Amino acid sequence: MRRTRPKENPEPDGPQIEQISNAYWFKLPKAIAMVVRQLLIKGAKPADQEHREQEDARRVQEMIASLSAEDQARLHAGDISPLALALRDAARAIDARASASSSSAILPGREFPGREG
């Protein structure tokens, strides 16, 4: 079957359509056509595949959760866009604050580092 499509920006006096790839089909006996249809039908997932996909997703989430805020910002925004650079700087501040609060958490009486009183 010959197929065509309209041209996007045709010349005023030129052709308004262009030929694209032809379509072909084969006429098969009914019995063979049924076998081909059955072969082309997508089968169900194996029982263990769903479990494996859930485990993989859980492991990925655990790995992401173990990253520093800066590394998570890089993962989601990249390295060079203005948004990525702003997120990186904010994440560095978060990481610095988290490490400062964890190191000062061992000092008695200082619940809020940097705030006296």
N, C-alpha and C. Protein backbone atom coordinates (compact mmCIF):
# COMPACT_ATOMS: atom_id res chain seq x y z
N MET A 1 0.85 -1.16 0.00
CA MET A 1 0.00 0.00 0.00
C MET A 1 0.91 1.23 0.00
N ARG A 2 0.67 2.12 -0.90
CA ARG A 2 1.45 3.36 -0.95
C ARG A 2 0.91 4.33 0.08
N ARG A 3 1.82 4.95 0.87
CA ARG A 3 1.38 5.87 1.92
C ARG A 3 2.01 7.24 1.70
N THR A 4 1.28 8.28 2.05
CA THR A 4 1.76 9.66 1.93
C THR A 4 1.36 10.43 3.19
N ARG A 5 1.96 11.61 3.33
CA ARG A 5 1.57 12.52 4.41
C ARG A 5 1.68 13.94 3.89
N PRO A 6 0.92 14.87 4.45
CA PRO A 6 1.01 16.27 4.00
C PRO A 6 2.38 16.84 4.33
N LYS A 7 2.90 17.69 3.44
CA LYS A 7 4.18 18.37 3.70
C LYS A 7 3.95 19.47 4.71
N GLU A 8 4.96 19.69 5.55
CA GLU A 8 4.83 20.72 6.59
C GLU A 8 4.85 22.12 6.00
N ASN A 9 5.82 22.43 5.17
CA ASN A 9 5.93 23.75 4.55
C ASN A 9 6.07 23.59 3.03
N PRO A 10 4.97 23.31 2.36
CA PRO A 10 5.08 23.06 0.92
C PRO A 10 5.35 24.35 0.14
N GLU A 11 6.02 24.20 -1.00
CA GLU A 11 6.21 25.33 -1.91
C GLU A 11 4.83 25.72 -2.46
N PRO A 12 4.61 27.00 -2.77
CA PRO A 12 3.28 27.42 -3.25
C PRO A 12 2.80 26.64 -4.48
N ASP A 13 3.68 26.36 -5.42
CA ASP A 13 3.26 25.65 -6.62
C ASP A 13 3.75 24.20 -6.64
N GLY A 14 4.34 23.74 -5.53
CA GLY A 14 4.91 22.40 -5.49
C GLY A 14 3.94 21.38 -4.92
N PRO A 15 4.40 20.17 -4.75
CA PRO A 15 3.54 19.11 -4.22
C PRO A 15 3.14 19.41 -2.77
N GLN A 16 1.93 19.05 -2.41
CA GLN A 16 1.41 19.30 -1.07
C GLN A 16 1.57 18.08 -0.17
N ILE A 17 1.93 16.93 -0.75
CA ILE A 17 2.13 15.72 0.02
C ILE A 17 3.47 15.10 -0.34
N GLU A 18 3.98 14.24 0.54
CA GLU A 18 5.21 13.53 0.25
C GLU A 18 4.98 12.05 0.54
N GLN A 19 5.69 11.22 -0.20
CA GLN A 19 5.55 9.78 0.01
C GLN A 19 6.41 9.36 1.19
N ILE A 20 5.84 8.48 1.99
CA ILE A 20 6.59 7.87 3.09
C ILE A 20 6.67 6.38 2.81
N SER A 21 7.18 5.61 3.74
CA SER A 21 7.39 4.18 3.48
C SER A 21 6.08 3.48 3.14
N ASN A 22 6.19 2.52 2.26
CA ASN A 22 5.03 1.72 1.89
C ASN A 22 4.70 0.73 2.99
N ALA A 23 3.43 0.31 3.04
CA ALA A 23 3.01 -0.69 4.02
C ALA A 23 2.78 -2.01 3.29
N TYR A 24 3.20 -3.09 3.93
CA TYR A 24 3.05 -4.42 3.34
C TYR A 24 2.35 -5.33 4.35
N TRP A 25 1.64 -6.30 3.87
CA TRP A 25 1.08 -7.35 4.71
C TRP A 25 1.02 -8.63 3.91
N PHE A 26 0.96 -9.71 4.65
CA PHE A 26 0.93 -11.02 4.02
C PHE A 26 -0.35 -11.73 4.43
N LYS A 27 -0.96 -12.36 3.51
CA LYS A 27 -2.16 -13.11 3.80
C LYS A 27 -1.75 -14.53 4.16
N LEU A 28 -2.10 -14.95 5.38
CA LEU A 28 -1.73 -16.28 5.87
C LEU A 28 -2.97 -17.14 6.02
N PRO A 29 -2.82 -18.45 5.92
CA PRO A 29 -3.94 -19.32 6.24
C PRO A 29 -4.36 -19.10 7.70
N LYS A 30 -5.64 -19.29 8.03
CA LYS A 30 -6.16 -18.99 9.36
C LYS A 30 -5.40 -19.71 10.47
N ALA A 31 -5.08 -20.97 10.28
CA ALA A 31 -4.40 -21.73 11.33
C ALA A 31 -3.03 -21.12 11.64
N ILE A 32 -2.29 -20.75 10.62
CA ILE A 32 -0.97 -20.15 10.83
C ILE A 32 -1.11 -18.74 11.42
N ALA A 33 -2.11 -18.00 10.97
CA ALA A 33 -2.33 -16.66 11.51
C ALA A 33 -2.61 -16.72 13.01
N MET A 34 -3.36 -17.75 13.47
CA MET A 34 -3.64 -17.90 14.91
C MET A 34 -2.35 -18.19 15.68
N VAL A 35 -1.50 -19.03 15.15
CA VAL A 35 -0.24 -19.34 15.81
C VAL A 35 0.63 -18.08 15.91
N VAL A 36 0.70 -17.33 14.83
CA VAL A 36 1.49 -16.10 14.84
C VAL A 36 0.93 -15.12 15.88
N ARG A 37 -0.39 -14.97 15.95
CA ARG A 37 -1.01 -14.09 16.94
C ARG A 37 -0.64 -14.51 18.35
N GLN A 38 -0.69 -15.81 18.63
CA GLN A 38 -0.35 -16.32 19.96
C GLN A 38 1.12 -16.05 20.30
N LEU A 39 1.99 -16.16 19.32
CA LEU A 39 3.41 -15.89 19.56
C LEU A 39 3.67 -14.42 19.83
N LEU A 40 2.86 -13.55 19.24
CA LEU A 40 3.08 -12.11 19.40
C LEU A 40 2.43 -11.52 20.64
N ILE A 41 1.55 -12.27 21.29
CA ILE A 41 0.89 -11.78 22.50
C ILE A 41 1.91 -11.73 23.63
N LYS A 42 1.91 -10.61 24.36
CA LYS A 42 2.85 -10.45 25.46
C LYS A 42 2.43 -11.36 26.61
N GLY A 43 3.35 -12.14 27.09
CA GLY A 43 3.08 -13.07 28.18
C GLY A 43 3.13 -12.37 29.53
N ALA A 44 2.66 -13.07 30.55
CA ALA A 44 2.68 -12.54 31.91
C ALA A 44 4.12 -12.56 32.44
N LYS A 45 4.38 -11.69 33.40
CA LYS A 45 5.70 -11.67 34.04
C LYS A 45 5.88 -12.95 34.85
N PRO A 46 7.09 -13.48 34.90
CA PRO A 46 7.35 -14.60 35.79
C PRO A 46 7.11 -14.18 37.24
N ALA A 47 6.73 -15.12 38.07
CA ALA A 47 6.36 -14.82 39.46
C ALA A 47 7.50 -14.14 40.21
N ASP A 48 8.72 -14.54 39.98
CA ASP A 48 9.83 -13.97 40.74
C ASP A 48 10.27 -12.61 40.22
N GLN A 49 9.87 -12.23 39.02
CA GLN A 49 10.31 -10.95 38.46
C GLN A 49 9.72 -9.78 39.23
N GLU A 50 8.44 -9.87 39.60
CA GLU A 50 7.80 -8.78 40.36
C GLU A 50 8.53 -8.57 41.69
N HIS A 51 8.85 -9.68 42.38
CA HIS A 51 9.58 -9.59 43.64
C HIS A 51 10.96 -8.98 43.43
N ARG A 52 11.66 -9.39 42.38
CA ARG A 52 12.99 -8.87 42.08
C ARG A 52 12.92 -7.36 41.79
N GLU A 53 11.91 -6.92 41.05
CA GLU A 53 11.77 -5.49 40.75
C GLU A 53 11.51 -4.69 42.01
N GLN A 54 10.68 -5.22 42.92
CA GLN A 54 10.41 -4.52 44.18
C GLN A 54 11.68 -4.44 45.04
N GLU A 55 12.44 -5.51 45.07
CA GLU A 55 13.69 -5.51 45.84
C GLU A 55 14.69 -4.52 45.25
N ASP A 56 14.80 -4.48 43.94
CA ASP A 56 15.70 -3.53 43.28
C ASP A 56 15.30 -2.10 43.61
N ALA A 57 13.99 -1.81 43.55
CA ALA A 57 13.50 -0.45 43.85
C ALA A 57 13.80 -0.09 45.31
N ARG A 58 13.62 -1.04 46.22
CA ARG A 58 13.90 -0.79 47.64
C ARG A 58 15.39 -0.50 47.84
N ARG A 59 16.27 -1.27 47.19
CA ARG A 59 17.71 -1.06 47.32
C ARG A 59 18.13 0.31 46.78
N VAL A 60 17.54 0.69 45.65
CA VAL A 60 17.86 2.00 45.08
C VAL A 60 17.45 3.10 46.04
N GLN A 61 16.25 2.99 46.64
CA GLN A 61 15.80 4.01 47.60
C GLN A 61 16.72 4.06 48.81
N GLU A 62 17.18 2.90 49.28
CA GLU A 62 18.13 2.88 50.41
C GLU A 62 19.44 3.56 50.04
N MET A 63 19.93 3.29 48.82
CA MET A 63 21.19 3.92 48.40
C MET A 63 21.02 5.43 48.29
N ILE A 64 19.91 5.88 47.74
CA ILE A 64 19.66 7.32 47.62
C ILE A 64 19.57 7.96 49.01
N ALA A 65 18.88 7.28 49.93
CA ALA A 65 18.73 7.82 51.28
C ALA A 65 20.07 7.91 52.00
N SER A 66 21.02 7.06 51.64
CA SER A 66 22.32 7.09 52.31
C SER A 66 23.23 8.18 51.77
N LEU A 67 22.86 8.82 50.67
CA LEU A 67 23.69 9.89 50.09
C LEU A 67 23.60 11.15 50.92
N SER A 68 24.63 11.97 50.84
CA SER A 68 24.58 13.28 51.48
C SER A 68 23.58 14.15 50.71
N ALA A 69 23.17 15.23 51.33
CA ALA A 69 22.24 16.14 50.66
C ALA A 69 22.83 16.67 49.36
N GLU A 70 24.14 16.96 49.38
CA GLU A 70 24.80 17.46 48.16
C GLU A 70 24.76 16.42 47.05
N ASP A 71 25.04 15.16 47.38
CA ASP A 71 25.01 14.12 46.35
C ASP A 71 23.60 13.87 45.84
N GLN A 72 22.60 13.98 46.73
CA GLN A 72 21.21 13.83 46.28
C GLN A 72 20.82 14.96 45.34
N ALA A 73 21.27 16.18 45.64
CA ALA A 73 20.98 17.31 44.75
C ALA A 73 21.62 17.08 43.38
N ARG A 74 22.85 16.59 43.37
CA ARG A 74 23.53 16.27 42.10
C ARG A 74 22.78 15.20 41.33
N LEU A 75 22.34 14.18 42.03
CA LEU A 75 21.63 13.07 41.40
C LEU A 75 20.37 13.57 40.69
N HIS A 76 19.63 14.45 41.32
CA HIS A 76 18.35 14.89 40.78
C HIS A 76 18.45 16.06 39.82
N ALA A 77 19.47 16.92 39.97
CA ALA A 77 19.51 18.13 39.16
C ALA A 77 20.72 18.22 38.24
N GLY A 78 21.67 17.31 38.36
CA GLY A 78 22.86 17.38 37.53
C GLY A 78 23.93 18.25 38.16
N ASP A 79 24.86 18.71 37.33
CA ASP A 79 26.00 19.45 37.87
C ASP A 79 26.14 20.88 37.36
N ILE A 80 25.54 21.22 36.22
CA ILE A 80 25.92 22.50 35.61
C ILE A 80 24.79 23.52 35.46
N SER A 81 23.56 23.14 35.62
CA SER A 81 22.48 24.11 35.45
C SER A 81 22.47 25.08 36.64
N PRO A 82 21.91 26.27 36.48
CA PRO A 82 21.83 27.21 37.62
C PRO A 82 21.07 26.60 38.80
N LEU A 83 20.02 25.84 38.51
CA LEU A 83 19.28 25.18 39.58
C LEU A 83 20.18 24.17 40.30
N ALA A 84 20.94 23.41 39.54
CA ALA A 84 21.83 22.41 40.14
C ALA A 84 22.85 23.07 41.04
N LEU A 85 23.42 24.19 40.59
CA LEU A 85 24.43 24.88 41.40
C LEU A 85 23.81 25.43 42.68
N ALA A 86 22.60 25.99 42.58
CA ALA A 86 21.93 26.51 43.78
C ALA A 86 21.59 25.38 44.75
N LEU A 87 21.09 24.26 44.21
CA LEU A 87 20.79 23.12 45.07
C LEU A 87 22.05 22.57 45.72
N ARG A 88 23.15 22.54 44.97
CA ARG A 88 24.41 22.04 45.53
C ARG A 88 24.84 22.90 46.71
N ASP A 89 24.76 24.23 46.55
CA ASP A 89 25.17 25.12 47.63
C ASP A 89 24.27 24.96 48.86
N ALA A 90 22.96 24.84 48.62
CA ALA A 90 22.03 24.64 49.74
C ALA A 90 22.29 23.30 50.41
N ALA A 91 22.56 22.28 49.62
CA ALA A 91 22.83 20.95 50.17
C ALA A 91 24.12 20.95 50.99
N ARG A 92 25.13 21.67 50.53
CA ARG A 92 26.38 21.76 51.31
C ARG A 92 26.11 22.39 52.67
N ALA A 93 25.27 23.42 52.68
CA ALA A 93 24.93 24.07 53.94
C ALA A 93 24.17 23.09 54.85
N ILE A 94 23.27 22.31 54.27
CA ILE A 94 22.53 21.32 55.07
C ILE A 94 23.48 20.28 55.62
N ASP A 95 24.39 19.78 54.78
CA ASP A 95 25.35 18.78 55.25
C ASP A 95 26.26 19.35 56.34
N ALA A 96 26.70 20.60 56.17
CA ALA A 96 27.56 21.22 57.17
C ALA A 96 26.82 21.38 58.48
N ARG A 97 25.57 21.80 58.41
CA ARG A 97 24.77 21.97 59.62
C ARG A 97 24.53 20.62 60.30
N ALA A 98 24.26 19.59 59.50
CA ALA A 98 24.03 18.27 60.07
C ALA A 98 25.28 17.73 60.75
N SER A 99 26.45 17.92 60.12
CA SER A 99 27.67 17.41 60.74
C SER A 99 28.03 18.24 61.97
N ALA A 100 27.75 19.54 61.96
CA ALA A 100 28.02 20.38 63.13
C ALA A 100 27.10 19.99 64.29
N SER A 101 25.84 19.73 63.98
CA SER A 101 24.92 19.37 65.06
C SER A 101 25.21 17.99 65.60
N SER A 102 25.68 17.08 64.76
CA SER A 102 26.01 15.74 65.27
C SER A 102 27.29 15.77 66.10
N SER A 103 28.24 16.67 65.75
CA SER A 103 29.47 16.74 66.55
C SER A 103 29.24 17.49 67.85
N SER A 104 28.30 18.44 67.87
CA SER A 104 28.04 19.17 69.11
C SER A 104 26.98 18.49 69.94
N ALA A 105 26.33 17.47 69.41
CA ALA A 105 25.29 16.77 70.16
C ALA A 105 25.86 16.03 71.35
N ILE A 106 27.17 15.76 71.35
CA ILE A 106 27.77 15.05 72.47
C ILE A 106 28.06 15.98 73.65
N LEU A 107 27.96 17.30 73.42
CA LEU A 107 28.19 18.23 74.51
C LEU A 107 26.90 18.40 75.30
N PRO A 108 26.93 18.21 76.61
CA PRO A 108 25.70 18.34 77.40
C PRO A 108 25.23 19.79 77.44
N GLY A 109 23.91 19.97 77.45
CA GLY A 109 23.33 21.29 77.59
C GLY A 109 23.28 22.10 76.32
N ARG A 110 23.64 21.56 75.17
CA ARG A 110 23.60 22.33 73.92
C ARG A 110 22.67 21.64 72.94
N GLU A 111 21.38 21.92 73.06
CA GLU A 111 20.42 21.32 72.15
C GLU A 111 20.47 21.98 70.78
N PHE A 112 20.69 23.28 70.76
CA PHE A 112 20.70 24.03 69.52
C PHE A 112 22.06 24.69 69.34
N PRO A 113 22.96 24.08 68.55
CA PRO A 113 24.28 24.67 68.36
C PRO A 113 24.19 26.07 67.78
N GLY A 114 24.99 26.95 68.32
CA GLY A 114 25.01 28.32 67.81
C GLY A 114 24.02 29.23 68.53
N ARG A 115 23.15 28.68 69.34
CA ARG A 115 22.19 29.49 70.09
C ARG A 115 22.49 29.32 71.57
N GLU A 116 22.92 30.35 72.18
CA GLU A 116 23.21 30.30 73.61
C GLU A 116 21.99 30.79 74.36
N GLY A 117 21.73 30.22 75.50
CA GLY A 117 20.66 30.74 76.31
C GLY A 117 19.64 29.79 76.67
